[in-house]
Amino acid sequence: MSEDRITVGSTSNTLTMPEDDICARLDRVNGWRLDRQCAAMSSMASLRKANSSINSSSRVIGGAAGGMLELSDILHQTSKMQAQRLSNQDYTPRKQQRSPSPAKDEETLAPAPQTREAYLAGIARNLVHLRNEPQESLDEDVHPRDRMRRVVIVGASSGIGRSLALEYARHGAELLLCARRQDRLEEVAEACTTISGKATLVVVGDITDRDTQIALRDKAESELESVDFLVLNAGVISVRPIADLWMKDASRQTADSVDKMLSRVMDVNVSAPAIVAGLFLPLLAKSRACVVVVASVASLVSAPTRSLYSASKHAVEGYFATFRMEVQHLGIDVTMVYPGTVDTELRLSAVDAAPGAPMAGSKSGKQSPDKCAKHILRAAALRKRSLVTPWPYWVAVVVHRFAPEFIERLAMKKYNL
């Protein structure tokens, strides 16, 4: 039986082989080329998909950088809608939500709507958890050692300190309160006793005075025996642009005046908390207590007209950040609190307030001291490292790290500069 043969090559170099062998070799070559083409097409598709994902991610990141406040609001609303939806129906596992579509790849890539909402709700809870109302009962979340038992509050006659005293009284704490104004302090103590049914102790005096500091420590040691929470809340503020003082009269008299104001602000906002915390240290170590330092957003983001105040709050932030590390081996925690604008009487006692002079700053949008106190109490009970409240100031602190000029322009607008 004859076999068809084909001659391949040039006239000088020829190769004769069966036709079937040539066809088989061509099939293998064509198959290899086809495989390479398919792989290349697949790679190009993957690259296009990756490029699309990168572009999409870039748009998301760019949008977040330009509008974090809007993103927080959207996610907060998503969280609320998801919570309402989940309260009315049981969660269905993802596998049961998939439709019996033959397009397996599309089914895998496209998440179920409810799963996507749950994911966004989780992000929302992480981003705007400070916006949510704190729970009234902390028993399920708080370790038994952190139940409100013995609490000392410095600066308890008004504002955040007063609200904290009343809130701790509602949780049955034994209280020792300290402030300068005796009538206001005794009024708060009486209200706390009525709420808790327990006697409320007081020490009247200026917390910058050494006798007051030691009397407070001695009374806590003799009456309470130990302390679970030491709340350092006393503070004073400055409300005038420091540059205006110097431009008006750069004289020795102005220098003496600024030095006096700066000394007062530093004494109340920095020295007094540092010394009181030191005097209480053996008591705090005995009960593995928590020190709650009520600082300010000005500790993290400076604001115009608050130069002296911001300097003191940056200082107290630095001091207690180091103090936290040094007392960690004693089992003592430090919770730093950074309130924004709170509706208190603090500005009325500013060290640089001129009689009848207007004070720069917004008159609206302030957080109530009662609401602020609820957030502080919960953060301290859970031994949180820090708390920024209300939540828009947390956003401002985050944005300030990446775009300080933007936040500074907003601050200047707020303070009419």
Protein backbone atom coordinates (compact mmCIF):
# COMPACT_ATOMS: atom_id res chain seq x y z
CA MET A 1 0.00 0.00 0.00
CA SER A 2 1.54 3.28 -1.16
CA GLU A 3 1.88 6.23 1.17
CA ASP A 4 1.53 9.87 0.05
CA ARG A 5 4.71 11.81 0.80
CA ILE A 6 5.43 15.53 0.59
CA THR A 7 8.77 17.23 0.08
CA VAL A 8 9.34 20.27 2.31
CA GLY A 9 12.22 22.76 2.05
CA SER A 10 14.33 24.58 -0.47
CA THR A 11 16.06 23.08 -3.47
CA SER A 12 19.31 22.77 -1.54
CA ASN A 13 17.88 21.33 1.63
CA THR A 14 14.84 19.11 1.29
CA LEU A 15 12.94 16.95 3.74
CA THR A 16 10.48 14.29 2.68
CA MET A 17 7.93 13.03 5.22
CA PRO A 18 4.48 11.50 5.22
CA GLU A 19 1.56 13.88 4.74
CA ASP A 20 -0.08 12.70 7.99
CA ASP A 21 3.03 13.66 10.00
CA ILE A 22 3.07 17.13 8.50
CA CYS A 23 -0.63 17.64 9.26
CA ALA A 24 -0.13 16.47 12.85
CA ARG A 25 2.79 18.83 13.34
CA LEU A 26 0.85 21.75 11.88
CA ASP A 27 -2.06 20.94 14.19
CA ARG A 28 0.28 21.01 17.18
CA VAL A 29 1.79 24.33 16.09
CA ASN A 30 -1.61 25.84 15.44
CA GLY A 31 -2.87 24.52 18.79
CA TRP A 32 0.12 26.04 20.57
CA ARG A 33 -0.49 29.34 18.82
CA LEU A 34 -4.18 29.18 19.69
CA ASP A 35 -3.38 28.47 23.35
CA ARG A 36 -0.99 31.41 23.44
CA GLN A 37 -3.58 33.66 21.84
CA CYS A 38 -6.23 32.56 24.35
CA ALA A 39 -3.84 33.12 27.24
CA ALA A 40 -2.96 36.54 25.89
CA MET A 41 -6.62 37.43 25.49
CA SER A 42 -7.32 36.21 29.02
CA SER A 43 -4.42 38.25 30.37
CA MET A 44 -5.64 41.34 28.53
CA ALA A 45 -9.12 40.84 29.97
CA SER A 46 -7.67 40.48 33.45
CA LEU A 47 -5.59 43.61 32.96
CA ARG A 48 -8.62 45.55 31.77
CA LYS A 49 -10.62 44.33 34.77
CA ALA A 50 -7.79 45.23 37.16
CA ASN A 51 -7.40 48.64 35.54
CA SER A 52 -11.12 49.22 35.90
CA SER A 53 -10.93 48.23 39.58
CA ILE A 54 -7.98 50.57 40.14
CA ASN A 55 -9.78 53.45 38.46
CA SER A 56 -12.87 52.74 40.52
CA SER A 57 -10.83 52.59 43.72
CA SER A 58 -9.09 55.84 42.79
CA ARG A 59 -12.43 57.54 42.30
CA VAL A 60 -13.64 56.25 45.67
CA ILE A 61 -10.48 57.37 47.47
CA GLY A 62 -10.53 60.75 45.76
CA GLY A 63 -14.15 61.22 46.66
CA ALA A 64 -13.48 60.26 50.25
CA ALA A 65 -10.67 62.78 50.52
CA GLY A 66 -12.92 65.53 49.19
CA GLY A 67 -16.06 64.73 51.13
CA MET A 68 -15.60 62.65 54.28
CA LEU A 69 -18.48 64.35 56.02
CA GLU A 70 -20.87 63.41 53.23
CA LEU A 71 -19.56 59.84 53.25
CA SER A 72 -20.12 59.58 57.00
CA ASP A 73 -23.70 60.80 56.66
CA ILE A 74 -24.42 58.34 53.83
CA LEU A 75 -22.97 55.41 55.74
CA HIS A 76 -24.81 56.43 58.89
CA GLN A 77 -28.12 56.41 56.99
CA THR A 78 -27.19 53.04 55.47
CA SER A 79 -26.52 51.69 58.95
CA LYS A 80 -29.88 52.92 60.20
CA MET A 81 -31.77 51.41 57.24
CA GLN A 82 -29.91 48.13 57.60
CA ALA A 83 -30.68 47.98 61.32
CA GLN A 84 -34.37 48.55 60.63
CA ARG A 85 -34.40 45.93 57.88
CA LEU A 86 -32.61 43.30 59.97
CA SER A 87 -34.92 43.93 62.90
CA ASN A 88 -37.87 42.88 60.74
CA GLN A 89 -36.40 39.78 59.14
CA ASP A 90 -33.86 37.09 59.86
CA TYR A 91 -30.53 37.16 58.13
CA THR A 92 -30.35 34.79 55.17
CA PRO A 93 -27.01 33.13 54.43
CA ARG A 94 -25.35 34.28 51.23
CA LYS A 95 -25.62 30.90 49.50
CA GLN A 96 -29.40 30.94 49.77
CA GLN A 97 -29.59 34.42 48.25
CA ARG A 98 -27.91 33.46 44.96
CA SER A 99 -30.22 33.07 42.03
CA PRO A 100 -29.90 29.86 40.00
CA SER A 101 -28.19 31.68 37.15
CA PRO A 102 -26.01 29.68 34.75
CA ALA A 103 -23.48 32.52 34.70
CA LYS A 104 -21.34 31.24 37.54
CA ASP A 105 -18.70 33.95 37.22
CA GLU A 106 -21.27 36.75 37.44
CA GLU A 107 -22.85 35.04 40.44
CA THR A 108 -19.51 34.92 42.21
CA LEU A 109 -18.48 38.50 41.41
CA ALA A 110 -21.79 40.20 42.24
CA PRO A 111 -22.53 40.05 45.98
CA ALA A 112 -26.07 39.72 47.17
CA PRO A 113 -27.72 43.10 47.91
CA GLN A 114 -28.30 42.29 51.57
CA THR A 115 -24.69 41.21 52.05
CA ARG A 116 -23.49 44.47 50.48
CA GLU A 117 -25.73 46.48 52.81
CA ALA A 118 -24.51 44.54 55.83
CA TYR A 119 -20.94 45.27 54.78
CA LEU A 120 -21.65 48.99 54.42
CA ALA A 121 -23.48 48.97 57.73
CA GLY A 122 -20.38 47.56 59.40
CA ILE A 123 -18.25 50.32 57.89
CA ALA A 124 -20.78 52.89 59.04
CA ARG A 125 -20.70 51.58 62.58
CA ASN A 126 -16.91 51.85 62.62
CA LEU A 127 -16.87 55.34 61.11
CA VAL A 128 -19.64 57.04 63.06
CA HIS A 129 -19.93 55.00 66.25
CA LEU A 130 -19.42 58.21 68.24
CA ARG A 131 -22.62 59.57 66.75
CA ASN A 132 -24.78 56.82 68.22
CA GLU A 133 -26.42 57.33 71.57
CA PRO A 134 -24.61 55.45 74.37
CA GLN A 135 -26.56 52.67 76.00
CA GLU A 136 -28.16 53.35 79.35
CA SER A 137 -26.93 50.07 80.82
CA LEU A 138 -23.26 49.11 80.70
CA ASP A 139 -23.50 45.91 82.73
CA GLU A 140 -23.14 43.62 79.69
CA ASP A 141 -20.12 45.48 78.28
CA VAL A 142 -18.16 46.48 81.36
CA HIS A 143 -15.78 44.29 83.34
CA PRO A 144 -16.90 43.93 87.00
CA ARG A 145 -13.87 45.88 88.22
CA ASP A 146 -14.95 48.83 86.08
CA ARG A 147 -18.46 49.20 87.46
CA MET A 148 -18.91 52.73 88.78
CA ARG A 149 -18.02 52.34 92.46
CA ARG A 150 -15.73 55.12 93.73
CA VAL A 151 -15.31 58.20 91.55
CA VAL A 152 -13.44 61.46 92.17
CA ILE A 153 -14.32 64.39 89.89
CA VAL A 154 -12.29 67.61 89.78
CA GLY A 155 -14.22 70.57 88.39
CA ALA A 156 -17.70 69.27 89.20
CA SER A 157 -19.71 72.44 89.87
CA SER A 158 -20.89 73.10 86.30
CA GLY A 159 -20.72 72.02 82.68
CA ILE A 160 -19.31 68.62 81.81
CA GLY A 161 -18.17 67.96 85.39
CA ARG A 162 -21.66 68.52 86.79
CA SER A 163 -23.24 66.28 84.14
CA LEU A 164 -20.65 63.58 84.81
CA ALA A 165 -21.37 63.68 88.55
CA LEU A 166 -25.10 63.24 87.95
CA GLU A 167 -24.50 60.46 85.42
CA TYR A 168 -22.20 58.55 87.76
CA ALA A 169 -24.79 58.98 90.53
CA ARG A 170 -27.39 57.31 88.30
CA HIS A 171 -25.04 54.31 88.11
CA GLY A 172 -24.79 54.15 91.90
CA ALA A 173 -21.25 55.44 92.32
CA GLU A 174 -19.80 56.82 95.54
CA LEU A 175 -18.71 60.35 94.64
CA LEU A 176 -16.09 62.81 95.85
CA LEU A 177 -16.47 66.18 94.11
CA CYS A 178 -14.12 69.15 94.03
CA ALA A 179 -14.66 72.73 92.77
CA ARG A 180 -14.11 76.38 93.74
CA ARG A 181 -17.72 77.59 93.99
CA GLN A 182 -19.11 76.19 97.21
CA ASP A 183 -22.79 76.97 96.58
CA ARG A 184 -22.79 75.38 93.13
CA LEU A 185 -20.80 72.38 94.35
CA GLU A 186 -23.13 71.70 97.27
CA GLU A 187 -26.11 71.94 94.93
CA VAL A 188 -24.61 69.28 92.65
CA ALA A 189 -23.71 67.08 95.64
CA GLU A 190 -27.26 67.25 96.97
CA ALA A 191 -28.67 66.27 93.57
CA CYS A 192 -26.27 63.32 93.35
CA THR A 193 -27.24 62.12 96.82
CA THR A 194 -30.92 62.27 95.88
CA ILE A 195 -30.29 60.23 92.73
CA SER A 196 -28.00 57.54 94.15
CA GLY A 197 -29.16 57.43 97.76
CA LYS A 198 -25.51 57.59 98.85
CA ALA A 199 -23.71 60.41 100.61
CA THR A 200 -21.71 62.60 98.23
CA LEU A 201 -18.44 64.01 99.57
CA VAL A 202 -17.12 67.45 98.61
CA VAL A 203 -13.87 69.41 98.85
CA VAL A 204 -14.17 73.14 98.18
CA GLY A 205 -11.11 74.94 96.84
CA ASP A 206 -9.00 75.94 93.85
CA ILE A 207 -7.42 72.83 92.40
CA THR A 208 -4.20 74.74 91.70
CA ASP A 209 -3.74 75.28 95.44
CA ARG A 210 -1.51 72.67 97.05
CA ASP A 211 -3.63 72.47 100.21
CA THR A 212 -6.73 71.69 98.12
CA GLN A 213 -4.87 69.01 96.17
CA ILE A 214 -3.64 67.25 99.31
CA ALA A 215 -7.01 67.62 101.08
CA LEU A 216 -8.72 65.97 98.12
CA ARG A 217 -6.27 63.06 98.16
CA ASP A 218 -6.53 62.63 101.94
CA LYS A 219 -10.34 62.65 101.89
CA ALA A 220 -10.41 60.06 99.12
CA GLU A 221 -8.02 57.86 101.07
CA SER A 222 -9.90 58.13 104.38
CA GLU A 223 -13.50 58.09 103.14
CA LEU A 224 -13.38 56.04 99.93
CA GLU A 225 -10.27 53.95 100.76
CA SER A 226 -9.61 53.49 97.05
CA VAL A 227 -10.53 55.16 93.76
CA ASP A 228 -11.81 53.49 90.59
CA PHE A 229 -12.09 56.60 88.40
CA LEU A 230 -10.25 59.91 88.75
CA VAL A 231 -11.82 62.49 86.43
CA LEU A 232 -9.65 65.57 85.80
CA ASN A 233 -12.08 68.07 84.32
CA ALA A 234 -11.15 71.51 85.70
CA GLY A 235 -10.07 74.00 83.06
CA VAL A 236 -9.93 77.61 81.91
CA ILE A 237 -9.92 79.04 78.39
CA SER A 238 -8.65 81.97 76.35
CA VAL A 239 -10.89 83.62 73.75
CA ARG A 240 -8.96 86.50 72.12
CA PRO A 241 -6.41 86.46 69.28
CA ILE A 242 -3.01 86.77 70.93
CA ALA A 243 -1.64 88.69 67.94
CA ASP A 244 -4.18 91.47 68.49
CA LEU A 245 -2.86 92.07 72.00
CA TRP A 246 0.69 92.49 70.74
CA MET A 247 -0.25 94.63 67.75
CA LYS A 248 -2.27 96.92 69.97
CA ASP A 249 0.50 97.49 72.50
CA ALA A 250 3.79 95.59 72.31
CA SER A 251 4.92 96.94 75.66
CA ARG A 252 6.22 95.60 78.96
CA GLN A 253 2.71 95.90 80.38
CA THR A 254 1.32 93.65 77.65
CA ALA A 255 4.14 91.17 78.19
CA ASP A 256 3.37 91.01 81.91
CA SER A 257 -0.35 90.59 81.16
CA VAL A 258 0.22 87.76 78.65
CA ASP A 259 2.65 86.05 81.04
CA LYS A 260 0.07 86.20 83.83
CA MET A 261 -2.68 84.76 81.60
CA LEU A 262 -0.41 82.02 80.28
CA SER A 263 0.65 81.06 83.80
CA ARG A 264 -2.98 80.80 84.91
CA VAL A 265 -3.97 78.66 81.93
CA MET A 266 -0.98 76.35 82.38
CA ASP A 267 -1.52 76.05 86.13
CA VAL A 268 -5.16 74.99 85.79
CA ASN A 269 -5.00 72.96 82.58
CA VAL A 270 -1.60 71.27 82.92
CA SER A 271 0.10 71.55 86.32
CA ALA A 272 -2.95 70.82 88.48
CA PRO A 273 -4.02 67.63 86.63
CA ALA A 274 -0.43 66.37 86.57
CA ILE A 275 0.09 66.93 90.31
CA VAL A 276 -3.31 65.55 91.34
CA ALA A 277 -2.74 62.40 89.28
CA GLY A 278 0.64 61.99 90.98
CA LEU A 279 -0.76 62.45 94.48
CA PHE A 280 -3.48 59.88 93.76
CA LEU A 281 -1.11 57.35 92.17
CA PRO A 282 -0.87 54.90 95.14
CA LEU A 283 -4.68 54.89 95.45
CA LEU A 284 -5.08 54.38 91.72
CA ALA A 285 -2.61 51.49 91.69
CA LYS A 286 -4.41 49.85 94.61
CA SER A 287 -7.63 49.47 92.59
CA ARG A 288 -6.08 49.40 89.08
CA ALA A 289 -8.08 52.52 88.32
CA CYS A 290 -8.69 54.66 85.26
CA VAL A 291 -7.64 58.31 84.94
CA VAL A 292 -10.04 60.30 82.76
CA VAL A 293 -8.47 63.49 81.39
CA VAL A 294 -10.96 65.90 79.85
CA ALA A 295 -8.76 67.72 77.35
CA SER A 296 -10.12 69.27 74.14
CA VAL A 297 -10.08 68.92 70.37
CA ALA A 298 -7.67 71.86 70.69
CA SER A 299 -5.16 69.25 71.95
CA LEU A 300 -5.11 67.82 68.42
CA VAL A 301 -6.24 70.65 66.12
CA SER A 302 -5.45 74.25 67.03
CA ALA A 303 -8.00 77.01 66.52
CA PRO A 304 -7.70 80.79 66.18
CA THR A 305 -8.38 82.94 69.28
CA ARG A 306 -7.38 79.93 71.40
CA SER A 307 -3.58 80.21 71.36
CA LEU A 308 -3.06 80.06 75.15
CA TYR A 309 -5.74 77.41 75.56
CA SER A 310 -4.40 75.29 72.69
CA ALA A 311 -0.88 75.48 74.12
CA SER A 312 -2.08 74.13 77.46
CA LYS A 313 -4.17 71.37 75.89
CA HIS A 314 -1.30 70.23 73.68
CA ALA A 315 0.84 70.12 76.82
CA VAL A 316 -1.64 68.05 78.83
CA GLU A 317 -2.00 65.66 75.89
CA GLY A 318 1.76 65.15 75.77
CA TYR A 319 2.08 64.72 79.53
CA PHE A 320 -0.62 62.09 79.93
CA ALA A 321 0.40 60.23 76.77
CA THR A 322 3.72 59.62 78.51
CA PHE A 323 2.07 59.07 81.90
CA ARG A 324 -0.05 56.30 80.35
CA MET A 325 3.05 54.35 79.35
CA GLU A 326 4.75 54.85 82.71
CA VAL A 327 1.82 53.56 84.80
CA GLN A 328 0.75 50.73 82.52
CA HIS A 329 2.66 48.18 84.60
CA LEU A 330 0.59 49.27 87.62
CA GLY A 331 -2.64 48.32 85.86
CA ILE A 332 -3.72 51.97 85.54
CA ASP A 333 -5.43 53.13 82.35
CA VAL A 334 -5.67 56.65 80.96
CA THR A 335 -8.64 57.75 78.85
CA MET A 336 -8.07 61.00 76.99
CA VAL A 337 -11.26 62.88 76.10
CA TYR A 338 -11.29 65.48 73.32
CA PRO A 339 -14.62 67.33 73.36
CA GLY A 340 -15.45 69.80 70.64
CA THR A 341 -17.66 72.80 71.32
CA VAL A 342 -19.85 72.05 74.34
CA ASP A 343 -22.59 74.29 75.69
CA THR A 344 -20.98 75.24 79.03
CA GLU A 345 -20.02 78.38 80.98
CA LEU A 346 -16.32 77.95 80.23
CA ARG A 347 -16.00 81.02 78.01
CA LEU A 348 -17.55 83.27 80.65
CA SER A 349 -14.50 82.75 82.88
CA ALA A 350 -11.88 83.17 80.14
CA VAL A 351 -8.55 84.52 81.37
CA ASP A 352 -8.46 87.17 78.64
CA ALA A 353 -12.13 88.08 78.48
CA ALA A 354 -12.68 91.84 78.31
CA PRO A 355 -15.91 93.18 79.88
CA GLY A 356 -18.53 93.61 77.17
CA ALA A 357 -16.20 92.44 74.38
CA PRO A 358 -17.66 89.99 71.83
CA MET A 359 -16.24 86.48 71.81
CA ALA A 360 -15.37 84.84 68.52
CA GLY A 361 -16.93 81.50 67.71
CA SER A 362 -20.15 79.85 66.65
CA LYS A 363 -23.14 80.28 68.92
CA SER A 364 -24.95 77.22 67.54
CA GLY A 365 -24.25 73.54 66.95
CA LYS A 366 -22.88 72.95 70.44
CA GLN A 367 -23.11 69.57 72.12
CA SER A 368 -25.00 69.43 75.40
CA PRO A 369 -22.91 68.61 78.49
CA ASP A 370 -25.31 65.79 79.39
CA LYS A 371 -24.77 64.06 76.06
CA CYS A 372 -21.03 64.62 76.28
CA ALA A 373 -21.01 63.13 79.79
CA LYS A 374 -22.74 59.96 78.59
CA HIS A 375 -20.05 59.43 75.96
CA ILE A 376 -17.27 60.09 78.47
CA LEU A 377 -18.71 57.73 81.08
CA ARG A 378 -18.98 54.91 78.57
CA ALA A 379 -15.49 55.45 77.15
CA ALA A 380 -14.00 55.42 80.65
CA ALA A 381 -15.97 52.34 81.72
CA LEU A 382 -14.72 50.45 78.66
CA ARG A 383 -11.16 51.67 79.28
CA LYS A 384 -10.91 53.30 75.88
CA ARG A 385 -7.67 55.03 75.03
CA SER A 386 -9.31 58.16 73.65
CA LEU A 387 -12.63 59.73 72.73
CA VAL A 388 -13.40 62.56 70.31
CA THR A 389 -16.94 63.89 70.62
CA PRO A 390 -19.15 64.89 68.89
CA TRP A 391 -18.39 62.87 65.76
CA PRO A 392 -17.81 65.73 63.21
CA TYR A 393 -14.75 66.75 65.23
CA TRP A 394 -13.40 63.22 64.85
CA VAL A 395 -13.69 63.66 61.08
CA ALA A 396 -11.93 67.03 61.37
CA VAL A 397 -9.06 65.45 63.31
CA VAL A 398 -8.62 62.74 60.66
CA VAL A 399 -8.77 65.19 57.73
CA HIS A 400 -6.37 67.56 59.50
CA ARG A 401 -3.63 64.93 59.34
CA PHE A 402 -3.76 64.94 55.54
CA ALA A 403 -5.10 68.41 54.68
CA PRO A 404 -4.33 70.80 57.56
CA GLU A 405 -4.85 73.91 55.42
CA PHE A 406 -8.42 72.87 54.66
CA ILE A 407 -9.33 72.44 58.35
CA GLU A 408 -7.57 75.69 59.24
CA ARG A 409 -9.66 77.58 56.69
CA LEU A 410 -12.82 76.11 58.19
CA ALA A 411 -11.65 77.06 61.69
CA MET A 412 -10.91 80.63 60.62
CA LYS A 413 -14.35 80.87 59.07
CA LYS A 414 -15.95 79.54 62.25
CA TYR A 415 -14.16 82.14 64.37
CA ASN A 416 -14.88 84.98 61.92
CA LEU A 417 -11.26 85.55 60.88
